[in-house]
Amino acid sequence: MKRILIVEDEPNLADGLEMNLTAEGYEVAVAENGNAALELIERMSFDLALVDVMMPGMDGFSLCKKIRKTSHLPIIFLTARSQDEDKIKGLALGGDDYLTKPFNLGELLQRITSIFRRMSWESASETGRKILTFADSELNLETLKATGPGGETFLSHREAMALKFLYERRGQSVSRDMLLDGVWGYRAYPSTRTVDNFILRLRKIFESDPANPTVIKSIRGVGYMLDA
């Protein structure tokens, strides 16, 4: 049984989500603020977290930063703010999804299912390999350690999955929509800048000259291609 953590300071919404998710067969725990959520995460394992962005004290983005220091727990942000910049920020911090209040329960359930389906893809690598090698670079999918012309560093979980998606289609043009759909689970974002920002960060690691990329190439009018 999948276990979901709800981090929400509005009691009525938290209770409603808990009731409906429990009815769908999920095991549910509720935290009313960021500190309470961190305490629960230390004591229990979760498969996904629904995190309100606008909470007193530690907001949802700050909570996500703390979680990402030790965990790849999937996070869906819940917020009344609908600005594109907030969505892009949430994804850049390591969030997996973003729902604007008020939202439809059916849509939330669909997105949860989509994330769990994506996790199944992420856990299976091409022919079971754990290290991706291309050009003068490599990525360890277990440790997320990346080595390239830009040096050694550790990728975020989402950066690693974006690279993995391109790697499995190396030599092929991959559109921004395909990346959003494959890595984040569905085509839900109004701006493809999310993908572009991730590609820029990957190029700083895997390109000798990020301003003139030869490994992660831009395909005019389409998207990107990993030339391995």
Foldseek 3Di string as FASTA:
>chain_A
DAEEEEAAQPVVVQVVVCVVVVVVVYHYDYHPHLVSVVVVVVVDPHQAYEAEQDDPDQGRLNSLLVCQVPDLRAYEYEYQDDDLVVQLSSVVSNHLYYDHPPDDPVVVVVLVVLVVVLVVVLVAADVNDQWDDDDQKIAGNVQQWIAALLGIDHDGNLLVVLVRVQSVVAPDFAALQNSCCNRSRHRDHPDSVSVVVSVLVVLSGHANDSVDRDAFDADPPGGTHGHD
